[in-house]
Amino acid sequence: MDLHVATYNIHKGLSAFNRRMMLRELRDRLRDVQPDIVFLQEVQGLHERHGSRFHDWVEEPHYEFLADSVWPEFAYGRNAVYDHGHHGNAILSRYPIVSWENLDVSSHPFESRGLLHCQIQLPDRSHTIHCLNVHLALNERGRKRQLGAIVERVVEIVPEHAPLIVAGDFNDWRNRAGRRLAGDLGLHEAFRDDRGRPARSFPAALPMLRLDRIYVRGFSIHHAKVHHGHPWAKISDHAMLSARLAFD
């Protein structure tokens, strides 16, 4: 069977300049693309003030609203916690999530980051797929430490023969993450395999920087796509990436 995956920094459900609530449009676009597994970053779990600012604010956790009846399984890692709410990473899945854990990989107290690790069971597969959803630091020292945490996690927890996907917002315009993950873990970047180099994903209107990635092990890449321009550019400041994978 093929597997369709996507990663998207959804900017807390707001448009690029925080002027509009975009969660309903985002849900419609995700349903159009129809990925099997969705890696989401900057997902609002709770925000007690936005309800008074935006008339169409969704009060329920945004990962639940987006999952709705299409992705019956989901996991949320609460990373940034503040007086009026919290946000973090989420994974939505068409298939059972048999276990999940969120690890605090923050490099300093002012930039909360997490590593959300899910094991997903696909039909007729003896081994679960290991899915790691990441949103790395803005500074290079923090990213280096967080990449070390990813490598350590995979080496300790993920069997060498198990299919593995590491996706998210890497904030890595120098592509140092790719070299580290390839050298230490044998991961391949989906767009490098399909197009020769990682995808440009930021800003969504006219992508210039290669911030978002999908890394895989145990899969070959059938097709990879950047979802940018209209209507994506009004939904978030990042473009969404998707890839169709085949098991090796």
C-alpha atoms as a PDB file:
ATOM      1  CA  MET A   1       0.000   0.000   0.000  1.00  0.00           C
ATOM      2  CA  ASP A   2       1.023   3.619  -0.534  1.00  0.00           C
ATOM      3  CA  LEU A   3       1.027   6.169   2.259  1.00  0.00           C
ATOM      4  CA  HIS A   4       0.148   9.849   1.775  1.00  0.00           C
ATOM      5  CA  VAL A   5       1.618  12.213   4.385  1.00  0.00           C
ATOM      6  CA  ALA A   6       1.694  15.985   4.855  1.00  0.00           C
ATOM      7  CA  THR A   7       3.383  18.499   7.147  1.00  0.00           C
ATOM      8  CA  TYR A   8       2.105  22.004   7.840  1.00  0.00           C
ATOM      9  CA  ASN A   9       2.939  24.839  10.222  1.00  0.00           C
ATOM     10  CA  ILE A  10      -0.574  26.267  10.613  1.00  0.00           C
ATOM     11  CA  HIS A  11       0.362  29.496  12.445  1.00  0.00           C
ATOM     12  CA  LYS A  12      -2.113  28.864  15.287  1.00  0.00           C
ATOM     13  CA  GLY A  13      -5.056  28.891  12.855  1.00  0.00           C
ATOM     14  CA  LEU A  14      -4.523  32.521  11.838  1.00  0.00           C
ATOM     15  CA  SER A  15      -3.634  34.191   8.546  1.00  0.00           C
ATOM     16  CA  ALA A  16      -0.059  35.308   7.899  1.00  0.00           C
ATOM     17  CA  PHE A  17      -0.456  38.671   9.662  1.00  0.00           C
ATOM     18  CA  ASN A  18      -2.893  37.424  12.352  1.00  0.00           C
ATOM     19  CA  ARG A  19      -5.800  39.338  10.841  1.00  0.00           C
ATOM     20  CA  ARG A  20      -8.230  36.494  10.181  1.00  0.00           C
ATOM     21  CA  MET A  21      -9.234  33.160  11.634  1.00  0.00           C
ATOM     22  CA  MET A  22      -8.463  30.556   8.933  1.00  0.00           C
ATOM     23  CA  LEU A  23      -9.196  27.231  10.606  1.00  0.00           C
ATOM     24  CA  ARG A  24     -12.308  26.398   8.564  1.00  0.00           C
ATOM     25  CA  GLU A  25     -10.511  27.092   5.280  1.00  0.00           C
ATOM     26  CA  LEU A  26      -7.582  25.032   6.524  1.00  0.00           C
ATOM     27  CA  ARG A  27      -9.833  22.065   7.298  1.00  0.00           C
ATOM     28  CA  ASP A  28     -11.376  22.262   3.819  1.00  0.00           C
ATOM     29  CA  ARG A  29      -7.955  22.304   2.141  1.00  0.00           C
ATOM     30  CA  LEU A  30      -6.694  19.377   4.203  1.00  0.00           C
ATOM     31  CA  ARG A  31      -9.778  17.402   3.177  1.00  0.00           C
ATOM     32  CA  ASP A  32      -9.085  18.245  -0.469  1.00  0.00           C
ATOM     33  CA  VAL A  33      -5.526  16.887  -0.250  1.00  0.00           C
ATOM     34  CA  GLN A  34      -6.634  13.841   1.809  1.00  0.00           C
ATOM     35  CA  PRO A  35      -3.358  12.769   3.448  1.00  0.00           C
ATOM     36  CA  ASP A  36      -3.383   9.645   5.572  1.00  0.00           C
ATOM     37  CA  ILE A  37      -1.154  11.178   8.256  1.00  0.00           C
ATOM     38  CA  VAL A  38      -0.831  14.921   8.948  1.00  0.00           C
ATOM     39  CA  PHE A  39       2.041  16.481  10.916  1.00  0.00           C
ATOM     40  CA  LEU A  40       0.941  19.894  12.246  1.00  0.00           C
ATOM     41  CA  GLN A  41       2.977  22.558  14.041  1.00  0.00           C
ATOM     42  CA  GLU A  42       1.824  25.662  15.946  1.00  0.00           C
ATOM     43  CA  VAL A  43      -1.517  24.069  16.791  1.00  0.00           C
ATOM     44  CA  GLN A  44      -3.644  26.007  19.276  1.00  0.00           C
ATOM     45  CA  GLY A  45      -4.896  23.778  22.058  1.00  0.00           C
ATOM     46  CA  LEU A  46      -6.478  26.629  24.029  1.00  0.00           C
ATOM     47  CA  HIS A  47      -6.649  30.423  23.764  1.00  0.00           C
ATOM     48  CA  GLU A  48      -9.058  32.194  26.095  1.00  0.00           C
ATOM     49  CA  ARG A  49      -8.656  35.668  24.530  1.00  0.00           C
ATOM     50  CA  HIS A  50      -9.113  35.029  20.817  1.00  0.00           C
ATOM     51  CA  GLY A  51     -12.808  34.291  21.261  1.00  0.00           C
ATOM     52  CA  SER A  52     -13.433  37.993  21.892  1.00  0.00           C
ATOM     53  CA  ARG A  53     -11.168  39.105  19.064  1.00  0.00           C
ATOM     54  CA  PHE A  54     -12.397  36.783  16.296  1.00  0.00           C
ATOM     55  CA  HIS A  55     -16.153  36.287  15.900  1.00  0.00           C
ATOM     56  CA  ASP A  56     -15.614  32.895  14.213  1.00  0.00           C
ATOM     57  CA  TRP A  57     -13.054  31.578  16.700  1.00  0.00           C
ATOM     58  CA  VAL A  58     -13.226  27.821  17.249  1.00  0.00           C
ATOM     59  CA  GLU A  59     -13.381  27.120  20.974  1.00  0.00           C
ATOM     60  CA  GLU A  60     -12.584  23.415  20.855  1.00  0.00           C
ATOM     61  CA  PRO A  61      -8.927  22.326  20.565  1.00  0.00           C
ATOM     62  CA  HIS A  62      -7.890  23.003  16.990  1.00  0.00           C
ATOM     63  CA  TYR A  63      -6.491  19.520  16.426  1.00  0.00           C
ATOM     64  CA  GLU A  64      -9.903  18.058  17.289  1.00  0.00           C
ATOM     65  CA  PHE A  65     -11.686  20.498  14.985  1.00  0.00           C
ATOM     66  CA  LEU A  66      -9.333  19.678  12.102  1.00  0.00           C
ATOM     67  CA  ALA A  67      -9.447  15.923  12.674  1.00  0.00           C
ATOM     68  CA  ASP A  68     -13.273  15.870  12.833  1.00  0.00           C
ATOM     69  CA  SER A  69     -14.589  12.693  11.171  1.00  0.00           C
ATOM     70  CA  VAL A  70     -11.796  12.358   8.578  1.00  0.00           C
ATOM     71  CA  TRP A  71      -8.851  11.557  10.860  1.00  0.00           C
ATOM     72  CA  PRO A  72     -10.312   9.540  13.760  1.00  0.00           C
ATOM     73  CA  GLU A  73      -6.971   9.295  15.569  1.00  0.00           C
ATOM     74  CA  PHE A  74      -4.943  12.245  16.829  1.00  0.00           C
ATOM     75  CA  ALA A  75      -2.263  13.142  19.356  1.00  0.00           C
ATOM     76  CA  TYR A  76      -1.341  16.580  20.691  1.00  0.00           C
ATOM     77  CA  GLY A  77       1.892  17.626  22.351  1.00  0.00           C
ATOM     78  CA  ARG A  78       1.426  20.753  24.465  1.00  0.00           C
ATOM     79  CA  ASN A  79       4.680  22.720  24.256  1.00  0.00           C
ATOM     80  CA  ALA A  80       4.209  26.464  24.836  1.00  0.00           C
ATOM     81  CA  VAL A  81       2.030  27.187  27.885  1.00  0.00           C
ATOM     82  CA  TYR A  82       0.926  30.692  28.892  1.00  0.00           C
ATOM     83  CA  ASP A  83      -1.690  32.300  31.148  1.00  0.00           C
ATOM     84  CA  HIS A  84      -4.427  32.301  28.508  1.00  0.00           C
ATOM     85  CA  GLY A  85      -3.689  29.043  26.697  1.00  0.00           C
ATOM     86  CA  HIS A  86      -1.186  26.729  25.041  1.00  0.00           C
ATOM     87  CA  HIS A  87      -0.057  25.467  21.640  1.00  0.00           C
ATOM     88  CA  GLY A  88       2.160  22.723  20.263  1.00  0.00           C
ATOM     89  CA  ASN A  89       2.434  19.962  17.670  1.00  0.00           C
ATOM     90  CA  ALA A  90      -0.240  17.480  16.587  1.00  0.00           C
ATOM     91  CA  ILE A  91      -0.471  14.369  14.449  1.00  0.00           C
ATOM     92  CA  LEU A  92      -3.748  13.387  12.758  1.00  0.00           C
ATOM     93  CA  SER A  93      -4.109   9.856  11.402  1.00  0.00           C
ATOM     94  CA  ARG A  94      -6.583   7.719   9.494  1.00  0.00           C
ATOM     95  CA  TYR A  95      -5.023   4.698  11.191  1.00  0.00           C
ATOM     96  CA  PRO A  96      -4.784   3.717  14.878  1.00  0.00           C
ATOM     97  CA  ILE A  97      -2.204   5.549  16.982  1.00  0.00           C
ATOM     98  CA  VAL A  98      -1.142   2.745  19.320  1.00  0.00           C
ATOM     99  CA  SER A  99       1.160   4.892  21.477  1.00  0.00           C
ATOM    100  CA  TRP A 100       2.436   8.441  21.682  1.00  0.00           C
ATOM    101  CA  GLU A 101       4.761  10.571  23.790  1.00  0.00           C
ATOM    102  CA  ASN A 102       5.698  14.258  23.756  1.00  0.00           C
ATOM    103  CA  LEU A 103       9.247  15.157  24.795  1.00  0.00           C
ATOM    104  CA  ASP A 104      10.362  18.604  25.906  1.00  0.00           C
ATOM    105  CA  VAL A 105      13.364  19.532  23.733  1.00  0.00           C
ATOM    106  CA  SER A 106      13.381  23.280  24.487  1.00  0.00           C
ATOM    107  CA  SER A 107      16.840  24.804  24.196  1.00  0.00           C
ATOM    108  CA  HIS A 108      16.035  27.747  26.511  1.00  0.00           C
ATOM    109  CA  PRO A 109      13.079  28.934  28.649  1.00  0.00           C
ATOM    110  CA  PHE A 110      11.871  31.536  26.137  1.00  0.00           C
ATOM    111  CA  GLU A 111      11.280  29.166  23.194  1.00  0.00           C
ATOM    112  CA  SER A 112       9.313  26.055  24.115  1.00  0.00           C
ATOM    113  CA  ARG A 113       9.731  23.148  21.694  1.00  0.00           C
ATOM    114  CA  GLY A 114       8.551  19.547  21.740  1.00  0.00           C
ATOM    115  CA  LEU A 115       9.163  16.278  19.943  1.00  0.00           C
ATOM    116  CA  LEU A 116       5.902  14.383  19.387  1.00  0.00           C
ATOM    117  CA  HIS A 117       6.508  10.666  18.757  1.00  0.00           C
ATOM    118  CA  CYS A 118       3.621   8.449  17.636  1.00  0.00           C
ATOM    119  CA  GLN A 119       3.496   4.807  16.649  1.00  0.00           C
ATOM    120  CA  ILE A 120       0.814   4.144  14.036  1.00  0.00           C
ATOM    121  CA  GLN A 121      -0.510   0.746  13.014  1.00  0.00           C
ATOM    122  CA  LEU A 122      -1.363   0.294   9.351  1.00  0.00           C
ATOM    123  CA  PRO A 123      -3.533  -2.541   8.007  1.00  0.00           C
ATOM    124  CA  ASP A 124      -1.674  -5.743   7.104  1.00  0.00           C
ATOM    125  CA  ARG A 125       1.637  -4.449   8.512  1.00  0.00           C
ATOM    126  CA  SER A 126       3.469  -6.372  11.187  1.00  0.00           C
ATOM    127  CA  HIS A 127       5.458  -3.330  12.340  1.00  0.00           C
ATOM    128  CA  THR A 128       4.148   0.057  13.394  1.00  0.00           C
ATOM    129  CA  ILE A 129       5.247   3.241  11.645  1.00  0.00           C
ATOM    130  CA  HIS A 130       7.195   5.593  13.871  1.00  0.00           C
ATOM    131  CA  CYS A 131       6.246   9.240  13.259  1.00  0.00           C
ATOM    132  CA  LEU A 132       8.184  12.124  14.822  1.00  0.00           C
ATOM    133  CA  ASN A 133       6.720  15.622  14.538  1.00  0.00           C
ATOM    134  CA  VAL A 134       9.176  18.457  15.214  1.00  0.00           C
ATOM    135  CA  HIS A 135       9.384  22.242  15.283  1.00  0.00           C
ATOM    136  CA  LEU A 136      12.997  23.215  15.822  1.00  0.00           C
ATOM    137  CA  ALA A 137      14.475  26.350  17.357  1.00  0.00           C
ATOM    138  CA  LEU A 138      15.120  29.607  15.550  1.00  0.00           C
ATOM    139  CA  ASN A 139      18.794  29.655  16.584  1.00  0.00           C
ATOM    140  CA  GLU A 140      21.381  27.222  15.286  1.00  0.00           C
ATOM    141  CA  ARG A 141      22.694  26.154  18.684  1.00  0.00           C
ATOM    142  CA  GLY A 142      19.190  25.171  19.763  1.00  0.00           C
ATOM    143  CA  ARG A 143      18.575  23.276  16.521  1.00  0.00           C
ATOM    144  CA  LYS A 144      21.821  21.361  16.956  1.00  0.00           C
ATOM    145  CA  ARG A 145      20.780  20.197  20.424  1.00  0.00           C
ATOM    146  CA  GLN A 146      17.307  19.257  19.202  1.00  0.00           C
ATOM    147  CA  LEU A 147      18.701  17.260  16.291  1.00  0.00           C
ATOM    148  CA  GLY A 148      20.779  15.412  18.848  1.00  0.00           C
ATOM    149  CA  ALA A 149      17.578  14.668  20.787  1.00  0.00           C
ATOM    150  CA  ILE A 150      15.931  13.315  17.614  1.00  0.00           C
ATOM    151  CA  VAL A 151      18.917  11.058  16.896  1.00  0.00           C
ATOM    152  CA  GLU A 152      18.997   9.830  20.483  1.00  0.00           C
ATOM    153  CA  ARG A 153      15.272   9.113  20.484  1.00  0.00           C
ATOM    154  CA  VAL A 154      15.387   7.135  17.241  1.00  0.00           C
ATOM    155  CA  VAL A 155      18.463   5.117  18.239  1.00  0.00           C
ATOM    156  CA  GLU A 156      16.944   4.225  21.621  1.00  0.00           C
ATOM    157  CA  ILE A 157      13.307   3.587  20.651  1.00  0.00           C
ATOM    158  CA  VAL A 158      12.914   2.865  16.923  1.00  0.00           C
ATOM    159  CA  PRO A 159      14.002  -0.558  15.616  1.00  0.00           C
ATOM    160  CA  GLU A 160      16.281  -0.374  12.576  1.00  0.00           C
ATOM    161  CA  HIS A 161      13.784  -2.282  10.424  1.00  0.00           C
ATOM    162  CA  ALA A 162      10.765  -0.162  11.423  1.00  0.00           C
ATOM    163  CA  PRO A 163       9.434   2.432   8.925  1.00  0.00           C
ATOM    164  CA  LEU A 164      10.215   5.953  10.146  1.00  0.00           C
ATOM    165  CA  ILE A 165       8.986   9.448   9.225  1.00  0.00           C
ATOM    166  CA  VAL A 166      10.411  12.636  10.751  1.00  0.00           C
ATOM    167  CA  ALA A 167       8.561  15.742   9.557  1.00  0.00           C
ATOM    168  CA  GLY A 168       7.877  19.321  10.563  1.00  0.00           C
ATOM    169  CA  ASP A 169       9.274  22.836  10.614  1.00  0.00           C
ATOM    170  CA  PHE A 170      13.055  22.574  10.938  1.00  0.00           C
ATOM    171  CA  ASN A 171      13.879  26.302  10.609  1.00  0.00           C
ATOM    172  CA  ASP A 172      16.973  25.012   8.828  1.00  0.00           C
ATOM    173  CA  TRP A 173      17.820  27.212   5.842  1.00  0.00           C
ATOM    174  CA  ARG A 174      21.426  25.895   5.760  1.00  0.00           C
ATOM    175  CA  ASN A 175      20.269  22.262   5.439  1.00  0.00           C
ATOM    176  CA  ARG A 176      22.492  21.055   8.255  1.00  0.00           C
ATOM    177  CA  ALA A 177      19.639  18.937   9.612  1.00  0.00           C
ATOM    178  CA  GLY A 178      19.561  16.868   6.433  1.00  0.00           C
ATOM    179  CA  ARG A 179      23.224  15.949   6.649  1.00  0.00           C
ATOM    180  CA  ARG A 180      22.905  15.007  10.330  1.00  0.00           C
ATOM    181  CA  LEU A 181      19.775  12.897   9.902  1.00  0.00           C
ATOM    182  CA  ALA A 182      21.136  11.163   6.811  1.00  0.00           C
ATOM    183  CA  GLY A 183      24.512  10.432   8.362  1.00  0.00           C
ATOM    184  CA  ASP A 184      23.345   9.309  11.797  1.00  0.00           C
ATOM    185  CA  LEU A 185      19.975   7.712  11.007  1.00  0.00           C
ATOM    186  CA  GLY A 186      19.955   6.890   7.287  1.00  0.00           C
ATOM    187  CA  LEU A 187      16.983   9.168   6.632  1.00  0.00           C
ATOM    188  CA  HIS A 188      16.183  10.527   3.164  1.00  0.00           C
ATOM    189  CA  GLU A 189      14.525  13.882   2.491  1.00  0.00           C
ATOM    190  CA  ALA A 190      11.393  13.452   0.368  1.00  0.00           C
ATOM    191  CA  PHE A 191      11.886  16.451  -1.897  1.00  0.00           C
ATOM    192  CA  ARG A 192      15.598  15.834  -2.348  1.00  0.00           C
ATOM    193  CA  ASP A 193      14.757  12.346  -3.611  1.00  0.00           C
ATOM    194  CA  ASP A 194      11.916  13.598  -5.825  1.00  0.00           C
ATOM    195  CA  ARG A 195      13.291  16.958  -7.031  1.00  0.00           C
ATOM    196  CA  GLY A 196      16.968  17.053  -6.105  1.00  0.00           C
ATOM    197  CA  ARG A 197      16.807  19.434  -3.133  1.00  0.00           C
ATOM    198  CA  PRO A 198      14.576  20.292  -0.144  1.00  0.00           C
ATOM    199  CA  ALA A 199      11.469  22.310  -0.968  1.00  0.00           C
ATOM    200  CA  ARG A 200      11.080  26.053  -0.518  1.00  0.00           C
ATOM    201  CA  SER A 201       8.193  26.519   1.900  1.00  0.00           C
ATOM    202  CA  PHE A 202       8.378  30.004   3.427  1.00  0.00           C
ATOM    203  CA  PRO A 203       6.712  32.426   2.977  1.00  0.00           C
ATOM    204  CA  ALA A 204       3.666  30.693   1.539  1.00  0.00           C
ATOM    205  CA  ALA A 205       2.869  33.410  -1.013  1.00  0.00           C
ATOM    206  CA  LEU A 206       6.265  33.104  -2.722  1.00  0.00           C
ATOM    207  CA  PRO A 207       8.416  30.497  -0.976  1.00  0.00           C
ATOM    208  CA  MET A 208      12.093  31.391  -0.653  1.00  0.00           C
ATOM    209  CA  LEU A 209      13.382  29.481   2.388  1.00  0.00           C
ATOM    210  CA  ARG A 210      13.602  25.702   2.802  1.00  0.00           C
ATOM    211  CA  LEU A 211      12.245  25.427   6.347  1.00  0.00           C
ATOM    212  CA  ASP A 212       9.793  22.521   6.286  1.00  0.00           C
ATOM    213  CA  ARG A 213      10.850  18.930   5.643  1.00  0.00           C
ATOM    214  CA  ILE A 214       9.718  15.322   5.358  1.00  0.00           C
ATOM    215  CA  TYR A 215      12.431  12.744   6.123  1.00  0.00           C
ATOM    216  CA  VAL A 216      11.792   9.020   5.721  1.00  0.00           C
ATOM    217  CA  ARG A 217      13.434   5.643   6.251  1.00  0.00           C
ATOM    218  CA  GLY A 218      12.003   2.418   4.879  1.00  0.00           C
ATOM    219  CA  PHE A 219      10.113   4.190   2.082  1.00  0.00           C
ATOM    220  CA  SER A 220      10.651   5.288  -1.492  1.00  0.00           C
ATOM    221  CA  ILE A 221       9.168   8.560  -2.754  1.00  0.00           C
ATOM    222  CA  HIS A 222       6.505   8.401  -5.469  1.00  0.00           C
ATOM    223  CA  HIS A 223       5.662  12.107  -5.546  1.00  0.00           C
ATOM    224  CA  ALA A 224       6.236  15.221  -3.460  1.00  0.00           C
ATOM    225  CA  LYS A 225       4.394  18.534  -3.682  1.00  0.00           C
ATOM    226  CA  VAL A 226       4.547  22.059  -2.240  1.00  0.00           C
ATOM    227  CA  HIS A 227       1.087  23.533  -1.629  1.00  0.00           C
ATOM    228  CA  HIS A 228       1.604  27.287  -1.962  1.00  0.00           C
ATOM    229  CA  GLY A 229       0.093  30.308  -3.671  1.00  0.00           C
ATOM    230  CA  HIS A 230      -3.692  30.658  -3.834  1.00  0.00           C
ATOM    231  CA  PRO A 231      -5.519  29.628  -1.655  1.00  0.00           C
ATOM    232  CA  TRP A 232      -2.756  28.410   0.662  1.00  0.00           C
ATOM    233  CA  ALA A 233      -1.015  31.761   1.073  1.00  0.00           C
ATOM    234  CA  LYS A 234      -3.958  33.243   2.963  1.00  0.00           C
ATOM    235  CA  ILE A 235      -4.200  30.306   5.387  1.00  0.00           C
ATOM    236  CA  SER A 236      -0.713  30.343   6.943  1.00  0.00           C
ATOM    237  CA  ASP A 237       2.701  31.938   6.505  1.00  0.00           C
ATOM    238  CA  HIS A 238       4.142  28.498   5.646  1.00  0.00           C
ATOM    239  CA  ALA A 239       3.333  26.327   2.637  1.00  0.00           C
ATOM    240  CA  MET A 240       2.182  22.771   3.232  1.00  0.00           C
ATOM    241  CA  LEU A 241       4.302  19.868   1.981  1.00  0.00           C
ATOM    242  CA  SER A 242       2.915  16.473   1.029  1.00  0.00           C
ATOM    243  CA  ALA A 243       4.488  13.259  -0.202  1.00  0.00           C
ATOM    244  CA  ARG A 244       3.273   9.906  -1.445  1.00  0.00           C
ATOM    245  CA  LEU A 245       5.396   7.092  -0.048  1.00  0.00           C
ATOM    246  CA  ALA A 246       5.777   3.423  -0.956  1.00  0.00           C
ATOM    247  CA  PHE A 247       7.194   0.833   1.426  1.00  0.00           C
ATOM    248  CA  ASP A 248      10.613  -0.494   0.429  1.00  0.00           C
END
